[in-house]
Amino acid sequence: MLDFDTCNDARLRRDPAFDGKFFTAVRTTMIYCRPVCPVRQPLTRNVSYFPTAAAAERAGYRPCLRCRPETAPFCAAWNGTRTTVERALRLIEAGALDGDGTVNLLAERLGIGARHLSRLFAEHVGASPLQTAQTLRIGRAKRLLDSTALPITEIAFRAGFGSVRQFNTAFSKLYGRPPSSIRRRAPQ
């Protein structure tokens, strides 16, 4: 993770070179953004920085509806044990933790223990494998809500949720509103 001053300078300049390398969380609104977000800049004393969108969500922040930080690229600073984490992320993206998938089964596929996998995620991602999977599911659902006219039920299952109730609960918890209120309206 970059230091506070570097992140703050990049945020104030809206530097696209830092997009996906950190996320800005605003304590007064409990919303997190990408460093390139066009919204009015918050006061420096009200911001914190996180290495990933999942880490910001774990800390209780909601994604900005304008810059959609949950769709930003993951941290480019992963080195060292990043290969295992990257493999795990590819498997999670492919649905390894959707449906009947568990962290134990994912760790087994990677050839490591579940506790070690959790430690690697805490170190590199700043969130658990399950929280990361939830963030990816919600991101897929948000993209489907924005770009299709599919029914909410169909979106929930295509995004990887086990039920519509689980989808509605996760979405409402993160965005503070039901999925139907996020759907982009067709131009009149």
N, C-alpha and C. Protein backbone atom coordinates (compact mmCIF):
# COMPACT_ATOMS: atom_id res chain seq x y z
N MET A 1 0.85 -1.18 0.00
CA MET A 1 0.00 0.00 0.00
C MET A 1 0.89 1.24 0.00
N LEU A 2 0.49 2.22 -0.78
CA LEU A 2 1.21 3.49 -0.86
C LEU A 2 1.00 4.28 0.42
N ASP A 3 1.90 5.22 0.70
CA ASP A 3 1.76 6.03 1.90
C ASP A 3 0.66 7.08 1.72
N PHE A 4 0.20 7.64 2.83
CA PHE A 4 -0.92 8.58 2.84
C PHE A 4 -0.67 9.78 1.94
N ASP A 5 0.53 10.38 2.04
CA ASP A 5 0.82 11.60 1.25
C ASP A 5 0.81 11.33 -0.25
N THR A 6 1.35 10.20 -0.67
CA THR A 6 1.34 9.84 -2.09
C THR A 6 -0.10 9.66 -2.59
N CYS A 7 -0.90 8.92 -1.80
CA CYS A 7 -2.30 8.72 -2.17
C CYS A 7 -3.05 10.05 -2.21
N ASN A 8 -2.81 10.89 -1.23
CA ASN A 8 -3.52 12.15 -1.16
C ASN A 8 -3.16 13.06 -2.34
N ASP A 9 -1.86 13.13 -2.69
CA ASP A 9 -1.46 13.93 -3.85
C ASP A 9 -2.10 13.40 -5.13
N ALA A 10 -2.11 12.09 -5.30
CA ALA A 10 -2.70 11.49 -6.50
C ALA A 10 -4.21 11.76 -6.55
N ARG A 11 -4.87 11.69 -5.39
CA ARG A 11 -6.32 11.95 -5.33
C ARG A 11 -6.61 13.39 -5.71
N LEU A 12 -5.84 14.32 -5.16
CA LEU A 12 -6.08 15.75 -5.43
C LEU A 12 -5.82 16.09 -6.90
N ARG A 13 -4.87 15.39 -7.54
CA ARG A 13 -4.60 15.60 -8.97
C ARG A 13 -5.51 14.77 -9.87
N ARG A 14 -6.26 13.83 -9.26
CA ARG A 14 -7.07 12.86 -10.02
C ARG A 14 -6.21 12.14 -11.05
N ASP A 15 -5.07 11.67 -10.60
CA ASP A 15 -4.06 11.06 -11.45
C ASP A 15 -4.51 9.67 -11.92
N PRO A 16 -4.73 9.48 -13.23
CA PRO A 16 -5.19 8.18 -13.72
C PRO A 16 -4.15 7.07 -13.57
N ALA A 17 -2.89 7.42 -13.37
CA ALA A 17 -1.86 6.40 -13.18
C ALA A 17 -2.07 5.62 -11.89
N PHE A 18 -2.83 6.18 -10.94
CA PHE A 18 -3.08 5.53 -9.66
C PHE A 18 -4.43 4.82 -9.60
N ASP A 19 -5.17 4.84 -10.71
CA ASP A 19 -6.48 4.20 -10.73
C ASP A 19 -6.32 2.71 -10.49
N GLY A 20 -6.99 2.19 -9.45
CA GLY A 20 -6.91 0.79 -9.11
C GLY A 20 -5.79 0.44 -8.15
N LYS A 21 -4.91 1.40 -7.87
CA LYS A 21 -3.80 1.14 -6.94
C LYS A 21 -4.17 1.45 -5.51
N PHE A 22 -5.21 2.26 -5.33
CA PHE A 22 -5.76 2.52 -4.00
C PHE A 22 -7.16 3.07 -4.16
N PHE A 23 -7.91 3.10 -3.05
CA PHE A 23 -9.27 3.61 -3.05
C PHE A 23 -9.41 4.61 -1.91
N THR A 24 -10.10 5.70 -2.18
CA THR A 24 -10.29 6.76 -1.20
C THR A 24 -11.62 6.56 -0.50
N ALA A 25 -11.59 6.47 0.82
CA ALA A 25 -12.80 6.33 1.62
C ALA A 25 -13.03 7.63 2.39
N VAL A 26 -14.27 8.10 2.37
CA VAL A 26 -14.61 9.36 3.03
C VAL A 26 -15.44 9.04 4.27
N ARG A 27 -14.89 9.36 5.43
CA ARG A 27 -15.54 9.02 6.71
C ARG A 27 -16.89 9.72 6.90
N THR A 28 -17.04 10.93 6.38
CA THR A 28 -18.28 11.68 6.61
C THR A 28 -19.45 11.13 5.81
N THR A 29 -19.17 10.51 4.65
CA THR A 29 -20.25 9.96 3.82
C THR A 29 -20.29 8.44 3.83
N MET A 30 -19.21 7.81 4.32
CA MET A 30 -19.06 6.35 4.33
C MET A 30 -19.13 5.77 2.90
N ILE A 31 -18.57 6.52 1.95
CA ILE A 31 -18.50 6.11 0.55
C ILE A 31 -17.03 6.05 0.15
N TYR A 32 -16.67 5.08 -0.71
CA TYR A 32 -15.31 5.03 -1.22
C TYR A 32 -15.32 5.22 -2.73
N CYS A 33 -14.23 5.82 -3.24
CA CYS A 33 -14.12 6.18 -4.65
C CYS A 33 -12.76 5.78 -5.21
N ARG A 34 -12.68 5.86 -6.53
CA ARG A 34 -11.41 5.72 -7.22
C ARG A 34 -10.70 7.07 -7.16
N PRO A 35 -9.38 7.10 -7.31
CA PRO A 35 -8.67 8.39 -7.26
C PRO A 35 -9.04 9.31 -8.42
N VAL A 36 -9.65 8.80 -9.47
CA VAL A 36 -10.01 9.61 -10.62
C VAL A 36 -11.47 10.10 -10.57
N CYS A 37 -12.15 9.87 -9.48
CA CYS A 37 -13.58 10.23 -9.38
C CYS A 37 -13.77 11.73 -9.55
N PRO A 38 -14.75 12.14 -10.38
CA PRO A 38 -14.96 13.57 -10.66
C PRO A 38 -15.75 14.33 -9.59
N VAL A 39 -16.14 13.69 -8.50
CA VAL A 39 -16.93 14.38 -7.48
C VAL A 39 -16.08 15.45 -6.78
N ARG A 40 -16.77 16.34 -6.05
CA ARG A 40 -16.08 17.39 -5.29
C ARG A 40 -15.14 16.73 -4.28
N GLN A 41 -13.93 17.23 -4.20
CA GLN A 41 -12.92 16.64 -3.33
C GLN A 41 -13.29 16.82 -1.85
N PRO A 42 -13.22 15.74 -1.07
CA PRO A 42 -13.47 15.86 0.37
C PRO A 42 -12.26 16.48 1.07
N LEU A 43 -12.46 16.93 2.28
CA LEU A 43 -11.34 17.45 3.06
C LEU A 43 -10.38 16.32 3.39
N THR A 44 -9.11 16.60 3.36
CA THR A 44 -8.09 15.59 3.62
C THR A 44 -8.27 14.92 4.97
N ARG A 45 -8.71 15.67 5.97
CA ARG A 45 -8.85 15.08 7.30
C ARG A 45 -9.97 14.04 7.36
N ASN A 46 -10.83 13.99 6.34
CA ASN A 46 -11.96 13.06 6.33
C ASN A 46 -11.71 11.81 5.49
N VAL A 47 -10.51 11.65 4.92
CA VAL A 47 -10.27 10.53 4.03
C VAL A 47 -9.32 9.49 4.63
N SER A 48 -9.52 8.26 4.18
CA SER A 48 -8.63 7.14 4.46
C SER A 48 -8.38 6.45 3.13
N TYR A 49 -7.33 5.65 3.07
CA TYR A 49 -7.01 4.96 1.83
C TYR A 49 -6.94 3.45 2.07
N PHE A 50 -7.43 2.71 1.06
CA PHE A 50 -7.45 1.24 1.13
C PHE A 50 -6.81 0.69 -0.14
N PRO A 51 -6.17 -0.49 -0.04
CA PRO A 51 -5.52 -1.07 -1.22
C PRO A 51 -6.48 -1.68 -2.23
N THR A 52 -7.69 -2.08 -1.78
CA THR A 52 -8.65 -2.71 -2.69
C THR A 52 -10.07 -2.26 -2.36
N ALA A 53 -10.98 -2.46 -3.31
CA ALA A 53 -12.39 -2.16 -3.09
C ALA A 53 -12.95 -3.06 -2.00
N ALA A 54 -12.55 -4.32 -1.99
CA ALA A 54 -13.03 -5.26 -0.98
C ALA A 54 -12.62 -4.82 0.42
N ALA A 55 -11.41 -4.28 0.57
CA ALA A 55 -10.96 -3.82 1.88
C ALA A 55 -11.79 -2.63 2.35
N ALA A 56 -12.13 -1.73 1.44
CA ALA A 56 -12.97 -0.58 1.80
C ALA A 56 -14.36 -1.04 2.22
N GLU A 57 -14.91 -2.00 1.49
CA GLU A 57 -16.24 -2.53 1.84
C GLU A 57 -16.21 -3.24 3.18
N ARG A 58 -15.13 -3.96 3.43
CA ARG A 58 -14.99 -4.66 4.71
C ARG A 58 -14.98 -3.66 5.88
N ALA A 59 -14.43 -2.49 5.64
CA ALA A 59 -14.38 -1.45 6.67
C ALA A 59 -15.71 -0.70 6.80
N GLY A 60 -16.70 -1.07 5.99
CA GLY A 60 -18.03 -0.48 6.13
C GLY A 60 -18.38 0.61 5.13
N TYR A 61 -17.54 0.83 4.14
CA TYR A 61 -17.82 1.88 3.14
C TYR A 61 -18.61 1.31 1.97
N ARG A 62 -19.44 2.18 1.36
CA ARG A 62 -20.22 1.81 0.17
C ARG A 62 -19.54 2.38 -1.06
N PRO A 63 -19.66 1.70 -2.21
CA PRO A 63 -19.04 2.23 -3.43
C PRO A 63 -19.78 3.45 -3.96
N CYS A 64 -19.02 4.36 -4.53
CA CYS A 64 -19.57 5.56 -5.17
C CYS A 64 -20.38 5.13 -6.39
N LEU A 65 -21.54 5.71 -6.56
CA LEU A 65 -22.38 5.38 -7.71
C LEU A 65 -21.91 6.09 -8.98
N ARG A 66 -21.01 7.05 -8.83
CA ARG A 66 -20.55 7.80 -9.99
C ARG A 66 -19.32 7.16 -10.65
N CYS A 67 -18.29 6.85 -9.85
CA CYS A 67 -17.06 6.31 -10.45
C CYS A 67 -16.99 4.79 -10.42
N ARG A 68 -17.94 4.13 -9.74
CA ARG A 68 -18.04 2.68 -9.68
C ARG A 68 -16.71 2.01 -9.32
N PRO A 69 -16.20 2.28 -8.12
CA PRO A 69 -14.88 1.76 -7.75
C PRO A 69 -14.81 0.24 -7.66
N GLU A 70 -15.94 -0.44 -7.48
CA GLU A 70 -15.91 -1.90 -7.40
C GLU A 70 -15.54 -2.53 -8.73
N THR A 71 -15.50 -1.74 -9.82
CA THR A 71 -15.11 -2.27 -11.13
C THR A 71 -13.70 -1.88 -11.51
N ALA A 72 -12.99 -1.15 -10.64
CA ALA A 72 -11.62 -0.72 -10.95
C ALA A 72 -10.69 -1.92 -10.97
N PRO A 73 -9.58 -1.80 -11.65
CA PRO A 73 -8.63 -2.91 -11.66
C PRO A 73 -8.07 -3.16 -10.27
N PHE A 74 -7.69 -4.38 -9.99
CA PHE A 74 -7.12 -4.70 -8.68
C PHE A 74 -5.72 -4.12 -8.56
N CYS A 75 -5.28 -4.04 -7.36
CA CYS A 75 -3.98 -3.45 -7.01
C CYS A 75 -2.85 -4.05 -7.85
N ALA A 76 -2.09 -3.19 -8.52
CA ALA A 76 -0.97 -3.66 -9.34
C ALA A 76 0.28 -3.94 -8.53
N ALA A 77 0.24 -3.64 -7.25
CA ALA A 77 1.43 -3.77 -6.40
C ALA A 77 1.60 -5.17 -5.82
N TRP A 78 0.77 -6.11 -6.21
CA TRP A 78 0.91 -7.47 -5.67
C TRP A 78 2.18 -8.10 -6.19
N ASN A 79 3.05 -8.43 -5.30
CA ASN A 79 4.28 -9.15 -5.64
C ASN A 79 4.47 -10.25 -4.61
N GLY A 80 5.52 -10.99 -4.76
CA GLY A 80 5.77 -12.05 -3.79
C GLY A 80 4.78 -13.20 -3.97
N THR A 81 3.88 -13.37 -3.03
CA THR A 81 2.91 -14.47 -3.08
C THR A 81 1.71 -14.12 -3.95
N ARG A 82 1.87 -13.12 -4.75
CA ARG A 82 0.75 -12.66 -5.59
C ARG A 82 0.25 -13.72 -6.56
N THR A 83 1.12 -14.62 -6.99
CA THR A 83 0.71 -15.64 -7.95
C THR A 83 -0.43 -16.48 -7.40
N THR A 84 -0.30 -16.90 -6.15
CA THR A 84 -1.37 -17.69 -5.53
C THR A 84 -2.64 -16.87 -5.41
N VAL A 85 -2.50 -15.63 -5.01
CA VAL A 85 -3.66 -14.75 -4.87
C VAL A 85 -4.30 -14.50 -6.24
N GLU A 86 -3.49 -14.27 -7.25
CA GLU A 86 -4.03 -14.05 -8.60
C GLU A 86 -4.77 -15.29 -9.11
N ARG A 87 -4.21 -16.47 -8.87
CA ARG A 87 -4.90 -17.71 -9.26
C ARG A 87 -6.22 -17.83 -8.52
N ALA A 88 -6.20 -17.53 -7.23
CA ALA A 88 -7.43 -17.58 -6.44
C ALA A 88 -8.46 -16.59 -6.97
N LEU A 89 -8.01 -15.40 -7.32
CA LEU A 89 -8.94 -14.40 -7.85
C LEU A 89 -9.55 -14.83 -9.18
N ARG A 90 -8.74 -15.46 -10.03
CA ARG A 90 -9.28 -15.96 -11.31
C ARG A 90 -10.34 -17.03 -11.05
N LEU A 91 -10.06 -17.92 -10.09
CA LEU A 91 -11.03 -18.96 -9.76
C LEU A 91 -12.29 -18.36 -9.14
N ILE A 92 -12.12 -17.36 -8.29
CA ILE A 92 -13.30 -16.69 -7.69
C ILE A 92 -14.10 -16.00 -8.77
N GLU A 93 -13.41 -15.32 -9.69
CA GLU A 93 -14.10 -14.65 -10.80
C GLU A 93 -14.87 -15.65 -11.65
N ALA A 94 -14.33 -16.86 -11.78
CA ALA A 94 -14.99 -17.91 -12.56
C ALA A 94 -16.10 -18.61 -11.78
N GLY A 95 -16.29 -18.21 -10.51
CA GLY A 95 -17.41 -18.75 -9.74
C GLY A 95 -17.05 -19.81 -8.72
N ALA A 96 -15.78 -19.93 -8.35
CA ALA A 96 -15.36 -20.98 -7.40
C ALA A 96 -16.04 -20.85 -6.04
N LEU A 97 -16.43 -19.65 -5.64
CA LEU A 97 -17.10 -19.48 -4.34
C LEU A 97 -18.60 -19.21 -4.48
N ASP A 98 -19.11 -19.36 -5.68
CA ASP A 98 -20.55 -19.22 -5.90
C ASP A 98 -21.21 -20.58 -5.67
N GLY A 99 -22.46 -20.57 -5.34
CA GLY A 99 -23.19 -21.83 -5.15
C GLY A 99 -22.64 -22.64 -4.00
N ASP A 100 -22.16 -23.85 -4.31
CA ASP A 100 -21.67 -24.77 -3.28
C ASP A 100 -20.18 -24.60 -2.98
N GLY A 101 -19.51 -23.63 -3.61
CA GLY A 101 -18.08 -23.44 -3.40
C GLY A 101 -17.77 -22.93 -2.00
N THR A 102 -16.68 -23.41 -1.43
CA THR A 102 -16.25 -22.97 -0.11
C THR A 102 -14.79 -22.54 -0.18
N VAL A 103 -14.35 -21.82 0.83
CA VAL A 103 -12.96 -21.41 0.91
C VAL A 103 -12.06 -22.65 1.04
N ASN A 104 -12.52 -23.66 1.77
CA ASN A 104 -11.73 -24.90 1.90
C ASN A 104 -11.50 -25.56 0.55
N LEU A 105 -12.55 -25.64 -0.28
CA LEU A 105 -12.41 -26.25 -1.60
C LEU A 105 -11.50 -25.41 -2.50
N LEU A 106 -11.62 -24.09 -2.42
CA LEU A 106 -10.77 -23.20 -3.21
C LEU A 106 -9.31 -23.39 -2.79
N ALA A 107 -9.04 -23.40 -1.49
CA ALA A 107 -7.68 -23.58 -1.00
C ALA A 107 -7.11 -24.93 -1.44
N GLU A 108 -7.95 -25.95 -1.40
CA GLU A 108 -7.52 -27.29 -1.83
C GLU A 108 -7.12 -27.27 -3.30
N ARG A 109 -7.90 -26.58 -4.13
CA ARG A 109 -7.57 -26.47 -5.57
C ARG A 109 -6.24 -25.76 -5.78
N LEU A 110 -5.91 -24.83 -4.88
CA LEU A 110 -4.67 -24.07 -4.99
C LEU A 110 -3.48 -24.80 -4.35
N GLY A 111 -3.77 -25.87 -3.61
CA GLY A 111 -2.72 -26.64 -2.97
C GLY A 111 -2.20 -26.04 -1.68
N ILE A 112 -3.02 -25.24 -1.02
CA ILE A 112 -2.64 -24.65 0.27
C ILE A 112 -3.80 -24.82 1.24
N GLY A 113 -3.58 -24.47 2.49
CA GLY A 113 -4.62 -24.56 3.50
C GLY A 113 -5.53 -23.34 3.47
N ALA A 114 -6.73 -23.50 3.98
CA ALA A 114 -7.71 -22.41 4.00
C ALA A 114 -7.22 -21.24 4.87
N ARG A 115 -6.57 -21.54 5.99
CA ARG A 115 -6.07 -20.48 6.86
C ARG A 115 -4.98 -19.68 6.16
N HIS A 116 -4.10 -20.37 5.44
CA HIS A 116 -3.03 -19.67 4.71
C HIS A 116 -3.63 -18.81 3.60
N LEU A 117 -4.61 -19.34 2.90
CA LEU A 117 -5.29 -18.55 1.86
C LEU A 117 -5.91 -17.30 2.47
N SER A 118 -6.54 -17.43 3.60
CA SER A 118 -7.14 -16.26 4.26
C SER A 118 -6.08 -15.25 4.65
N ARG A 119 -4.93 -15.73 5.13
CA ARG A 119 -3.83 -14.81 5.48
C ARG A 119 -3.31 -14.09 4.25
N LEU A 120 -3.16 -14.81 3.13
CA LEU A 120 -2.70 -14.18 1.90
C LEU A 120 -3.68 -13.11 1.42
N PHE A 121 -4.97 -13.40 1.50
CA PHE A 121 -5.97 -12.42 1.10
C PHE A 121 -5.95 -11.20 2.02
N ALA A 122 -5.78 -11.44 3.32
CA ALA A 122 -5.71 -10.32 4.26
C ALA A 122 -4.51 -9.44 3.93
N GLU A 123 -3.40 -10.06 3.56
CA GLU A 123 -2.17 -9.31 3.25
C GLU A 123 -2.25 -8.58 1.92
N HIS A 124 -2.72 -9.26 0.87
CA HIS A 124 -2.68 -8.70 -0.48
C HIS A 124 -3.95 -7.96 -0.89
N VAL A 125 -5.09 -8.43 -0.42
CA VAL A 125 -6.36 -7.86 -0.85
C VAL A 125 -6.98 -6.98 0.23
N GLY A 126 -6.71 -7.31 1.49
CA GLY A 126 -7.28 -6.55 2.59
C GLY A 126 -8.68 -6.98 2.94
N ALA A 127 -9.10 -8.12 2.41
CA ALA A 127 -10.44 -8.67 2.68
C ALA A 127 -10.36 -10.18 2.51
N SER A 128 -11.36 -10.87 3.02
CA SER A 128 -11.39 -12.33 2.93
C SER A 128 -11.76 -12.78 1.51
N PRO A 129 -11.49 -14.05 1.19
CA PRO A 129 -11.92 -14.56 -0.12
C PRO A 129 -13.44 -14.44 -0.31
N LEU A 130 -14.22 -14.67 0.77
CA LEU A 130 -15.68 -14.56 0.64
C LEU A 130 -16.11 -13.12 0.37
N GLN A 131 -15.49 -12.15 1.05
CA GLN A 131 -15.84 -10.74 0.81
C GLN A 131 -15.45 -10.34 -0.61
N THR A 132 -14.31 -10.83 -1.07
CA THR A 132 -13.87 -10.53 -2.43
C THR A 132 -14.87 -11.11 -3.44
N ALA A 133 -15.31 -12.35 -3.21
CA ALA A 133 -16.29 -12.97 -4.10
C ALA A 133 -17.60 -12.17 -4.10
N GLN A 134 -18.01 -11.71 -2.92
CA GLN A 134 -19.24 -10.92 -2.80
C GLN A 134 -19.10 -9.62 -3.60
N THR A 135 -17.95 -8.95 -3.50
CA THR A 135 -17.70 -7.71 -4.24
C THR A 135 -17.76 -7.96 -5.74
N LEU A 136 -17.16 -9.06 -6.19
CA LEU A 136 -17.20 -9.39 -7.61
C LEU A 136 -18.62 -9.71 -8.08
N ARG A 137 -19.38 -10.45 -7.25
CA ARG A 137 -20.77 -10.76 -7.61
C ARG A 137 -21.60 -9.48 -7.75
N ILE A 138 -21.44 -8.60 -6.79
CA ILE A 138 -22.21 -7.35 -6.83
C ILE A 138 -21.78 -6.51 -8.03
N GLY A 139 -20.48 -6.52 -8.34
CA GLY A 139 -20.01 -5.80 -9.52
C GLY A 139 -20.62 -6.35 -10.80
N ARG A 140 -20.69 -7.69 -10.91
CA ARG A 140 -21.33 -8.30 -12.09
C ARG A 140 -22.80 -7.92 -12.16
N ALA A 141 -23.47 -7.97 -11.01
CA ALA A 141 -24.89 -7.62 -10.98
C ALA A 141 -25.10 -6.17 -11.37
N LYS A 142 -24.24 -5.28 -10.88
CA LYS A 142 -24.37 -3.85 -11.20
C LYS A 142 -24.20 -3.62 -12.69
N ARG A 143 -23.22 -4.31 -13.29
CA ARG A 143 -23.03 -4.17 -14.74
C ARG A 143 -24.26 -4.68 -15.50
N LEU A 144 -24.84 -5.80 -15.05
CA LEU A 144 -26.05 -6.32 -15.71
C LEU A 144 -27.23 -5.37 -15.52
N LEU A 145 -27.34 -4.77 -14.34
CA LEU A 145 -28.42 -3.80 -14.10
C LEU A 145 -28.26 -2.59 -15.01
N ASP A 146 -27.01 -2.16 -15.21
CA ASP A 146 -26.74 -0.98 -16.04
C ASP A 146 -26.90 -1.24 -17.53
N SER A 147 -26.59 -2.45 -17.96
CA SER A 147 -26.49 -2.68 -19.40
C SER A 147 -27.56 -3.58 -20.00
N THR A 148 -28.43 -4.17 -19.18
CA THR A 148 -29.45 -5.06 -19.73
C THR A 148 -30.82 -4.72 -19.15
N ALA A 149 -31.82 -5.31 -19.74
CA ALA A 149 -33.18 -5.18 -19.23
C ALA A 149 -33.64 -6.50 -18.60
N LEU A 150 -32.70 -7.35 -18.23
CA LEU A 150 -33.04 -8.64 -17.63
C LEU A 150 -33.81 -8.43 -16.33
N PRO A 151 -34.69 -9.35 -15.98
CA PRO A 151 -35.38 -9.28 -14.70
C PRO A 151 -34.37 -9.43 -13.55
N ILE A 152 -34.70 -8.87 -12.40
CA ILE A 152 -33.84 -8.91 -11.23
C ILE A 152 -33.49 -10.36 -10.86
N THR A 153 -34.44 -11.26 -10.96
CA THR A 153 -34.20 -12.66 -10.64
C THR A 153 -33.09 -13.24 -11.51
N GLU A 154 -33.17 -13.00 -12.80
CA GLU A 154 -32.18 -13.50 -13.75
C GLU A 154 -30.81 -12.88 -13.45
N ILE A 155 -30.78 -11.60 -13.15
CA ILE A 155 -29.51 -10.93 -12.82
C ILE A 155 -28.88 -11.54 -11.59
N ALA A 156 -29.68 -11.82 -10.57
CA ALA A 156 -29.17 -12.40 -9.33
C ALA A 156 -28.45 -13.72 -9.61
N PHE A 157 -29.07 -14.59 -10.40
CA PHE A 157 -28.47 -15.89 -10.67
C PHE A 157 -27.28 -15.79 -11.62
N ARG A 158 -27.35 -14.93 -12.62
CA ARG A 158 -26.23 -14.75 -13.54
C ARG A 158 -25.01 -14.16 -12.83
N ALA A 159 -25.25 -13.33 -11.84
CA ALA A 159 -24.14 -12.70 -11.10
C ALA A 159 -23.49 -13.68 -10.12
N GLY A 160 -24.16 -14.81 -9.85
CA GLY A 160 -23.56 -15.82 -8.98
C GLY A 160 -24.17 -15.94 -7.60
N PHE A 161 -25.27 -15.25 -7.36
CA PHE A 161 -25.94 -15.37 -6.06
C PHE A 161 -26.76 -16.65 -6.03
N GLY A 162 -26.88 -17.24 -4.84
CA GLY A 162 -27.62 -18.48 -4.68
C GLY A 162 -29.12 -18.28 -4.66
N SER A 163 -29.57 -17.07 -4.32
CA SER A 163 -31.00 -16.78 -4.28
C SER A 163 -31.22 -15.29 -4.48
N VAL A 164 -32.43 -14.93 -4.82
CA VAL A 164 -32.79 -13.53 -4.99
C VAL A 164 -32.75 -12.81 -3.64
N ARG A 165 -33.15 -13.51 -2.59
CA ARG A 165 -33.11 -12.90 -1.25
C ARG A 165 -31.67 -12.55 -0.87
N GLN A 166 -30.74 -13.47 -1.12
CA GLN A 166 -29.33 -13.21 -0.83
C GLN A 166 -28.83 -12.01 -1.65
N PHE A 167 -29.20 -11.94 -2.91
CA PHE A 167 -28.82 -10.83 -3.77
C PHE A 167 -29.37 -9.51 -3.24
N ASN A 168 -30.66 -9.47 -2.95
CA ASN A 168 -31.28 -8.24 -2.45
C ASN A 168 -30.65 -7.78 -1.14
N THR A 169 -30.37 -8.72 -0.24
CA THR A 169 -29.76 -8.38 1.05
C THR A 169 -28.36 -7.82 0.86
N ALA A 170 -27.54 -8.49 0.06
CA ALA A 170 -26.16 -8.03 -0.17
C ALA A 170 -26.15 -6.67 -0.86
N PHE A 171 -27.01 -6.50 -1.85
CA PHE A 171 -27.04 -5.26 -2.61
C PHE A 171 -27.53 -4.11 -1.73
N SER A 172 -28.57 -4.34 -0.95
CA SER A 172 -29.11 -3.30 -0.06
C SER A 172 -28.11 -2.94 1.02
N LYS A 173 -27.40 -3.94 1.52
CA LYS A 173 -26.40 -3.68 2.56
C LYS A 173 -25.28 -2.80 2.02
N LEU A 174 -24.84 -3.07 0.80
CA LEU A 174 -23.73 -2.32 0.22
C LEU A 174 -24.15 -0.94 -0.27
N TYR A 175 -25.24 -0.85 -1.02
CA TYR A 175 -25.64 0.42 -1.63
C TYR A 175 -26.68 1.19 -0.82
N GLY A 176 -27.29 0.53 0.17
CA GLY A 176 -28.30 1.22 0.96
C GLY A 176 -29.60 1.43 0.22
N ARG A 177 -29.84 0.65 -0.82
CA ARG A 177 -31.07 0.73 -1.62
C ARG A 177 -31.24 -0.57 -2.39
N PRO A 178 -32.45 -0.86 -2.83
CA PRO A 178 -32.68 -2.12 -3.56
C PRO A 178 -32.08 -2.07 -4.97
N PRO A 179 -31.83 -3.22 -5.56
CA PRO A 179 -31.24 -3.26 -6.90
C PRO A 179 -32.08 -2.53 -7.95
N SER A 180 -33.38 -2.59 -7.83
CA SER A 180 -34.23 -1.94 -8.84
C SER A 180 -34.04 -0.44 -8.89
N SER A 181 -33.60 0.18 -7.79
CA SER A 181 -33.41 1.64 -7.79
C SER A 181 -32.11 2.05 -8.47
N ILE A 182 -31.21 1.10 -8.69
CA ILE A 182 -29.92 1.39 -9.32
C ILE A 182 -30.02 1.29 -10.84
N ARG A 183 -30.97 0.52 -11.32
CA ARG A 183 -31.09 0.27 -12.76
C ARG A 183 -31.16 1.59 -13.53
N ARG A 184 -30.35 1.67 -14.58
CA ARG A 184 -30.35 2.87 -15.43
C ARG A 184 -31.62 2.87 -16.26
N ARG A 185 -32.23 4.00 -16.31
CA ARG A 185 -33.46 4.15 -17.09
C ARG A 185 -33.10 4.43 -18.55
N ALA A 186 -33.88 3.89 -19.45
CA ALA A 186 -33.67 4.15 -20.88
C ALA A 186 -34.01 5.61 -21.18
N PRO A 187 -33.23 6.26 -22.06
CA PRO A 187 -33.52 7.66 -22.40
C PRO A 187 -34.91 7.80 -23.00
N GLN A 188 -35.59 8.84 -22.61
CA GLN A 188 -36.96 9.09 -23.08
C GLN A 188 -36.96 9.74 -24.44
